[in-house]
Amino acid sequence: MNAFLSGLSRLRRGPCEMVASIIIAIGVVMLMQPFAIEFFTWSFVVTLIGTVMFVIVSHFPE
């Protein structure tokens, strides 16, 4: 448990926000593509995960 908490303390806002933004962008692209219904079906979930991740990560230290 202590190793997990020390690992969390090393996370920084910049790189994690970039990952969250990329996940949101992937979700939007999945929403707008006309080829695969599976991508369209999962696009909302992917966008939602990216948004929740961005909100959580925005509270990390600089």
PDB file of N, CA and C in Angstrom:
ATOM      1  N   MET A   1       0.825  -1.201   0.000  1.00  0.00           N
ATOM      2  CA  MET A   1       0.000   0.000   0.000  1.00  0.00           C
ATOM      3  C   MET A   1       0.862   1.256   0.000  1.00  0.00           C
ATOM      4  N   ASN A   2       1.951   1.232   0.759  1.00  0.00           N
ATOM      5  CA  ASN A   2       2.827   2.390   0.832  1.00  0.00           C
ATOM      6  C   ASN A   2       3.491   2.664  -0.515  1.00  0.00           C
ATOM      7  N   ALA A   3       3.854   1.609  -1.250  1.00  0.00           N
ATOM      8  CA  ALA A   3       4.449   1.776  -2.570  1.00  0.00           C
ATOM      9  C   ALA A   3       3.438   2.392  -3.537  1.00  0.00           C
ATOM     10  N   PHE A   4       2.187   2.018  -3.406  1.00  0.00           N
ATOM     11  CA  PHE A   4       1.139   2.586  -4.267  1.00  0.00           C
ATOM     12  C   PHE A   4       0.992   4.077  -4.024  1.00  0.00           C
ATOM     13  N   LEU A   5       0.982   4.488  -2.764  1.00  0.00           N
ATOM     14  CA  LEU A   5       0.832   5.910  -2.435  1.00  0.00           C
ATOM     15  C   LEU A   5       2.049   6.719  -2.869  1.00  0.00           C
ATOM     16  N   SER A   6       3.231   6.150  -2.736  1.00  0.00           N
ATOM     17  CA  SER A   6       4.420   6.877  -3.189  1.00  0.00           C
ATOM     18  C   SER A   6       4.438   6.981  -4.714  1.00  0.00           C
ATOM     19  N   GLY A   7       3.890   5.972  -5.401  1.00  0.00           N
ATOM     20  CA  GLY A   7       3.783   6.044  -6.858  1.00  0.00           C
ATOM     21  C   GLY A   7       2.812   7.120  -7.301  1.00  0.00           C
ATOM     22  N   LEU A   8       1.724   7.282  -6.562  1.00  0.00           N
ATOM     23  CA  LEU A   8       0.759   8.338  -6.891  1.00  0.00           C
ATOM     24  C   LEU A   8       1.344   9.723  -6.683  1.00  0.00           C
ATOM     25  N   SER A   9       2.230   9.865  -5.723  1.00  0.00           N
ATOM     26  CA  SER A   9       2.802  11.184  -5.453  1.00  0.00           C
ATOM     27  C   SER A   9       3.742  11.630  -6.566  1.00  0.00           C
ATOM     28  N   ARG A  10       4.227  10.708  -7.379  1.00  0.00           N
ATOM     29  CA  ARG A  10       5.119  11.067  -8.476  1.00  0.00           C
ATOM     30  C   ARG A  10       4.380  11.514  -9.732  1.00  0.00           C
ATOM     31  N   LEU A  11       3.083  11.313  -9.785  1.00  0.00           N
ATOM     32  CA  LEU A  11       2.315  11.717 -10.959  1.00  0.00           C
ATOM     33  C   LEU A  11       2.234  13.237 -11.033  1.00  0.00           C
ATOM     34  N   ARG A  12       2.360  13.762 -12.218  1.00  0.00           N
ATOM     35  CA  ARG A  12       2.289  15.199 -12.428  1.00  0.00           C
ATOM     36  C   ARG A  12       1.160  15.535 -13.387  1.00  0.00           C
ATOM     37  N   ARG A  13       0.696  16.763 -13.318  1.00  0.00           N
ATOM     38  CA  ARG A  13      -0.484  17.175 -14.065  1.00  0.00           C
ATOM     39  C   ARG A  13      -0.268  17.172 -15.573  1.00  0.00           C
ATOM     40  N   GLY A  14       0.833  17.709 -16.042  1.00  0.00           N
ATOM     41  CA  GLY A  14       1.043  17.898 -17.477  1.00  0.00           C
ATOM     42  C   GLY A  14       0.899  16.641 -18.308  1.00  0.00           C
ATOM     43  N   PRO A  15       1.707  15.612 -18.051  1.00  0.00           N
ATOM     44  CA  PRO A  15       1.604  14.402 -18.876  1.00  0.00           C
ATOM     45  C   PRO A  15       0.258  13.688 -18.732  1.00  0.00           C
ATOM     46  N   CYS A  16      -0.291  13.687 -17.531  1.00  0.00           N
ATOM     47  CA  CYS A  16      -1.575  12.998 -17.326  1.00  0.00           C
ATOM     48  C   CYS A  16      -2.713  13.738 -18.015  1.00  0.00           C
ATOM     49  N   GLU A  17      -2.665  15.069 -18.025  1.00  0.00           N
ATOM     50  CA  GLU A  17      -3.687  15.834 -18.752  1.00  0.00           C
ATOM     51  C   GLU A  17      -3.596  15.573 -20.246  1.00  0.00           C
ATOM     52  N   MET A  18      -2.368  15.408 -20.748  1.00  0.00           N
ATOM     53  CA  MET A  18      -2.200  15.126 -22.169  1.00  0.00           C
ATOM     54  C   MET A  18      -2.804  13.767 -22.521  1.00  0.00           C
ATOM     55  N   VAL A  19      -2.595  12.764 -21.686  1.00  0.00           N
ATOM     56  CA  VAL A  19      -3.177  11.435 -21.927  1.00  0.00           C
ATOM     57  C   VAL A  19      -4.701  11.519 -21.896  1.00  0.00           C
ATOM     58  N   ALA A  20      -5.256  12.246 -20.919  1.00  0.00           N
ATOM     59  CA  ALA A  20      -6.706  12.393 -20.827  1.00  0.00           C
ATOM     60  C   ALA A  20      -7.258  13.108 -22.066  1.00  0.00           C
ATOM     61  N   SER A  21      -6.561  14.121 -22.537  1.00  0.00           N
ATOM     62  CA  SER A  21      -7.007  14.847 -23.733  1.00  0.00           C
ATOM     63  C   SER A  21      -6.971  13.959 -24.966  1.00  0.00           C
ATOM     64  N   ILE A  22      -5.957  13.114 -25.055  1.00  0.00           N
ATOM     65  CA  ILE A  22      -5.867  12.195 -26.194  1.00  0.00           C
ATOM     66  C   ILE A  22      -7.011  11.184 -26.151  1.00  0.00           C
ATOM     67  N   ILE A  23      -7.354  10.704 -24.961  1.00  0.00           N
ATOM     68  CA  ILE A  23      -8.475   9.766 -24.836  1.00  0.00           C
ATOM     69  C   ILE A  23      -9.782  10.438 -25.252  1.00  0.00           C
ATOM     70  N   ILE A  24      -9.975  11.690 -24.854  1.00  0.00           N
ATOM     71  CA  ILE A  24     -11.173  12.427 -25.264  1.00  0.00           C
ATOM     72  C   ILE A  24     -11.208  12.582 -26.778  1.00  0.00           C
ATOM     73  N   ALA A  25     -10.077  12.926 -27.378  1.00  0.00           N
ATOM     74  CA  ALA A  25     -10.016  13.090 -28.834  1.00  0.00           C
ATOM     75  C   ALA A  25     -10.313  11.777 -29.549  1.00  0.00           C
ATOM     76  N   ILE A  26      -9.799  10.673 -29.028  1.00  0.00           N
ATOM     77  CA  ILE A  26     -10.085   9.363 -29.627  1.00  0.00           C
ATOM     78  C   ILE A  26     -11.582   9.075 -29.567  1.00  0.00           C
ATOM     79  N   GLY A  27     -12.216   9.403 -28.444  1.00  0.00           N
ATOM     80  CA  GLY A  27     -13.657   9.199 -28.317  1.00  0.00           C
ATOM     81  C   GLY A  27     -14.454  10.024 -29.313  1.00  0.00           C
ATOM     82  N   VAL A  28     -14.027  11.257 -29.547  1.00  0.00           N
ATOM     83  CA  VAL A  28     -14.730  12.118 -30.508  1.00  0.00           C
ATOM     84  C   VAL A  28     -14.551  11.589 -31.930  1.00  0.00           C
ATOM     85  N   VAL A  29     -13.343  11.144 -32.254  1.00  0.00           N
ATOM     86  CA  VAL A  29     -13.107  10.571 -33.590  1.00  0.00           C
ATOM     87  C   VAL A  29     -13.947   9.307 -33.772  1.00  0.00           C
ATOM     88  N   MET A  30     -14.030   8.490 -32.725  1.00  0.00           N
ATOM     89  CA  MET A  30     -14.862   7.289 -32.797  1.00  0.00           C
ATOM     90  C   MET A  30     -16.326   7.660 -33.027  1.00  0.00           C
ATOM     91  N   LEU A  31     -16.760   8.771 -32.468  1.00  0.00           N
ATOM     92  CA  LEU A  31     -18.142   9.210 -32.625  1.00  0.00           C
ATOM     93  C   LEU A  31     -18.441   9.655 -34.054  1.00  0.00           C
ATOM     94  N   MET A  32     -17.463  10.259 -34.714  1.00  0.00           N
ATOM     95  CA  MET A  32     -17.718  10.856 -36.025  1.00  0.00           C
ATOM     96  C   MET A  32     -17.385   9.968 -37.209  1.00  0.00           C
ATOM     97  N   GLN A  33     -16.760   8.828 -36.986  1.00  0.00           N
ATOM     98  CA  GLN A  33     -16.398   7.978 -38.117  1.00  0.00           C
ATOM     99  C   GLN A  33     -17.629   7.199 -38.607  1.00  0.00           C
ATOM    100  N   PRO A  34     -17.737   6.988 -39.919  1.00  0.00           N
ATOM    101  CA  PRO A  34     -18.933   6.317 -40.458  1.00  0.00           C
ATOM    102  C   PRO A  34     -18.743   4.836 -40.789  1.00  0.00           C
ATOM    103  N   PHE A  35     -17.628   4.217 -40.400  1.00  0.00           N
ATOM    104  CA  PHE A  35     -17.296   2.886 -40.896  1.00  0.00           C
ATOM    105  C   PHE A  35     -17.687   1.737 -39.978  1.00  0.00           C
ATOM    106  N   ALA A  36     -17.448   1.875 -38.680  1.00  0.00           N
ATOM    107  CA  ALA A  36     -17.657   0.742 -37.767  1.00  0.00           C
ATOM    108  C   ALA A  36     -18.646   1.130 -36.670  1.00  0.00           C
ATOM    109  N   ILE A  37     -19.724   0.398 -36.574  1.00  0.00           N
ATOM    110  CA  ILE A  37     -20.744   0.677 -35.566  1.00  0.00           C
ATOM    111  C   ILE A  37     -20.216   0.407 -34.159  1.00  0.00           C
ATOM    112  N   GLU A  38     -19.249  -0.507 -34.031  1.00  0.00           N
ATOM    113  CA  GLU A  38     -18.683  -0.793 -32.717  1.00  0.00           C
ATOM    114  C   GLU A  38     -17.954   0.425 -32.154  1.00  0.00           C
ATOM    115  N   PHE A  39     -17.216   1.124 -33.017  1.00  0.00           N
ATOM    116  CA  PHE A  39     -16.538   2.345 -32.563  1.00  0.00           C
ATOM    117  C   PHE A  39     -17.560   3.384 -32.124  1.00  0.00           C
ATOM    118  N   PHE A  40     -18.618   3.537 -32.904  1.00  0.00           N
ATOM    119  CA  PHE A  40     -19.655   4.501 -32.550  1.00  0.00           C
ATOM    120  C   PHE A  40     -20.322   4.123 -31.231  1.00  0.00           C
ATOM    121  N   THR A  41     -20.537   2.836 -31.020  1.00  0.00           N
ATOM    122  CA  THR A  41     -21.194   2.366 -29.801  1.00  0.00           C
ATOM    123  C   THR A  41     -20.367   2.681 -28.560  1.00  0.00           C
ATOM    124  N   TRP A  42     -19.072   2.525 -28.640  1.00  0.00           N
ATOM    125  CA  TRP A  42     -18.195   2.737 -27.488  1.00  0.00           C
ATOM    126  C   TRP A  42     -17.682   4.167 -27.379  1.00  0.00           C
ATOM    127  N   SER A  43     -17.992   5.043 -28.317  1.00  0.00           N
ATOM    128  CA  SER A  43     -17.432   6.394 -28.320  1.00  0.00           C
ATOM    129  C   SER A  43     -17.839   7.201 -27.092  1.00  0.00           C
ATOM    130  N   PHE A  44     -19.086   7.078 -26.658  1.00  0.00           N
ATOM    131  CA  PHE A  44     -19.522   7.841 -25.485  1.00  0.00           C
ATOM    132  C   PHE A  44     -18.775   7.400 -24.240  1.00  0.00           C
ATOM    133  N   VAL A  45     -18.591   6.105 -24.083  1.00  0.00           N
ATOM    134  CA  VAL A  45     -17.893   5.583 -22.908  1.00  0.00           C
ATOM    135  C   VAL A  45     -16.442   6.055 -22.899  1.00  0.00           C
ATOM    136  N   VAL A  46     -15.782   6.014 -24.041  1.00  0.00           N
ATOM    137  CA  VAL A  46     -14.385   6.451 -24.129  1.00  0.00           C
ATOM    138  C   VAL A  46     -14.277   7.941 -23.822  1.00  0.00           C
ATOM    139  N   THR A  47     -15.170   8.745 -24.379  1.00  0.00           N
ATOM    140  CA  THR A  47     -15.159  10.180 -24.106  1.00  0.00           C
ATOM    141  C   THR A  47     -15.438  10.458 -22.632  1.00  0.00           C
ATOM    142  N   LEU A  48     -16.363   9.735 -22.046  1.00  0.00           N
ATOM    143  CA  LEU A  48     -16.681   9.914 -20.634  1.00  0.00           C
ATOM    144  C   LEU A  48     -15.495   9.543 -19.744  1.00  0.00           C
ATOM    145  N   ILE A  49     -14.816   8.450 -20.049  1.00  0.00           N
ATOM    146  CA  ILE A  49     -13.641   8.052 -19.270  1.00  0.00           C
ATOM    147  C   ILE A  49     -12.558   9.120 -19.369  1.00  0.00           C
ATOM    148  N   GLY A  50     -12.333   9.649 -20.551  1.00  0.00           N
ATOM    149  CA  GLY A  50     -11.339  10.712 -20.719  1.00  0.00           C
ATOM    150  C   GLY A  50     -11.706  11.965 -19.958  1.00  0.00           C
ATOM    151  N   THR A  51     -12.981  12.315 -19.944  1.00  0.00           N
ATOM    152  CA  THR A  51     -13.425  13.505 -19.231  1.00  0.00           C
ATOM    153  C   THR A  51     -13.277  13.347 -17.725  1.00  0.00           C
ATOM    154  N   VAL A  52     -13.685  12.204 -17.204  1.00  0.00           N
ATOM    155  CA  VAL A  52     -13.542  11.951 -15.762  1.00  0.00           C
ATOM    156  C   VAL A  52     -12.066  11.923 -15.382  1.00  0.00           C
ATOM    157  N   MET A  53     -11.251  11.309 -16.224  1.00  0.00           N
ATOM    158  CA  MET A  53      -9.815  11.280 -15.964  1.00  0.00           C
ATOM    159  C   MET A  53      -9.240  12.693 -15.952  1.00  0.00           C
ATOM    160  N   PHE A  54      -9.671  13.550 -16.878  1.00  0.00           N
ATOM    161  CA  PHE A  54      -9.181  14.923 -16.932  1.00  0.00           C
ATOM    162  C   PHE A  54      -9.569  15.690 -15.668  1.00  0.00           C
ATOM    163  N   VAL A  55     -10.783  15.500 -15.191  1.00  0.00           N
ATOM    164  CA  VAL A  55     -11.234  16.183 -13.981  1.00  0.00           C
ATOM    165  C   VAL A  55     -10.403  15.745 -12.769  1.00  0.00           C
ATOM    166  N   ILE A  56     -10.127  14.445 -12.667  1.00  0.00           N
ATOM    167  CA  ILE A  56      -9.335  13.938 -11.551  1.00  0.00           C
ATOM    168  C   ILE A  56      -7.898  14.424 -11.639  1.00  0.00           C
ATOM    169  N   VAL A  57      -7.329  14.357 -12.835  1.00  0.00           N
ATOM    170  CA  VAL A  57      -5.928  14.732 -13.033  1.00  0.00           C
ATOM    171  C   VAL A  57      -5.713  16.229 -12.824  1.00  0.00           C
ATOM    172  N   SER A  58      -6.727  17.018 -13.054  1.00  0.00           N
ATOM    173  CA  SER A  58      -6.563  18.461 -12.890  1.00  0.00           C
ATOM    174  C   SER A  58      -6.312  18.857 -11.439  1.00  0.00           C
ATOM    175  N   HIS A  59      -6.500  17.925 -10.515  1.00  0.00           N
ATOM    176  CA  HIS A  59      -6.223  18.193  -9.107  1.00  0.00           C
ATOM    177  C   HIS A  59      -4.825  17.731  -8.692  1.00  0.00           C
ATOM    178  N   PHE A  60      -4.056  17.144  -9.606  1.00  0.00           N
ATOM    179  CA  PHE A  60      -2.697  16.711  -9.304  1.00  0.00           C
ATOM    180  C   PHE A  60      -1.795  17.942  -9.170  1.00  0.00           C
ATOM    181  N   PRO A  61      -0.675  17.819  -8.471  1.00  0.00           N
ATOM    182  CA  PRO A  61       0.262  18.954  -8.364  1.00  0.00           C
ATOM    183  C   PRO A  61       0.960  19.225  -9.702  1.00  0.00           C
ATOM    184  N   GLU A  62       1.431  20.426  -9.850  1.00  0.00           N
ATOM    185  CA  GLU A  62       2.163  20.816 -11.073  1.00  0.00           C
ATOM    186  C   GLU A  62       3.390  20.040 -11.195  1.00  0.00           C
TER     187      GLU A  62
END
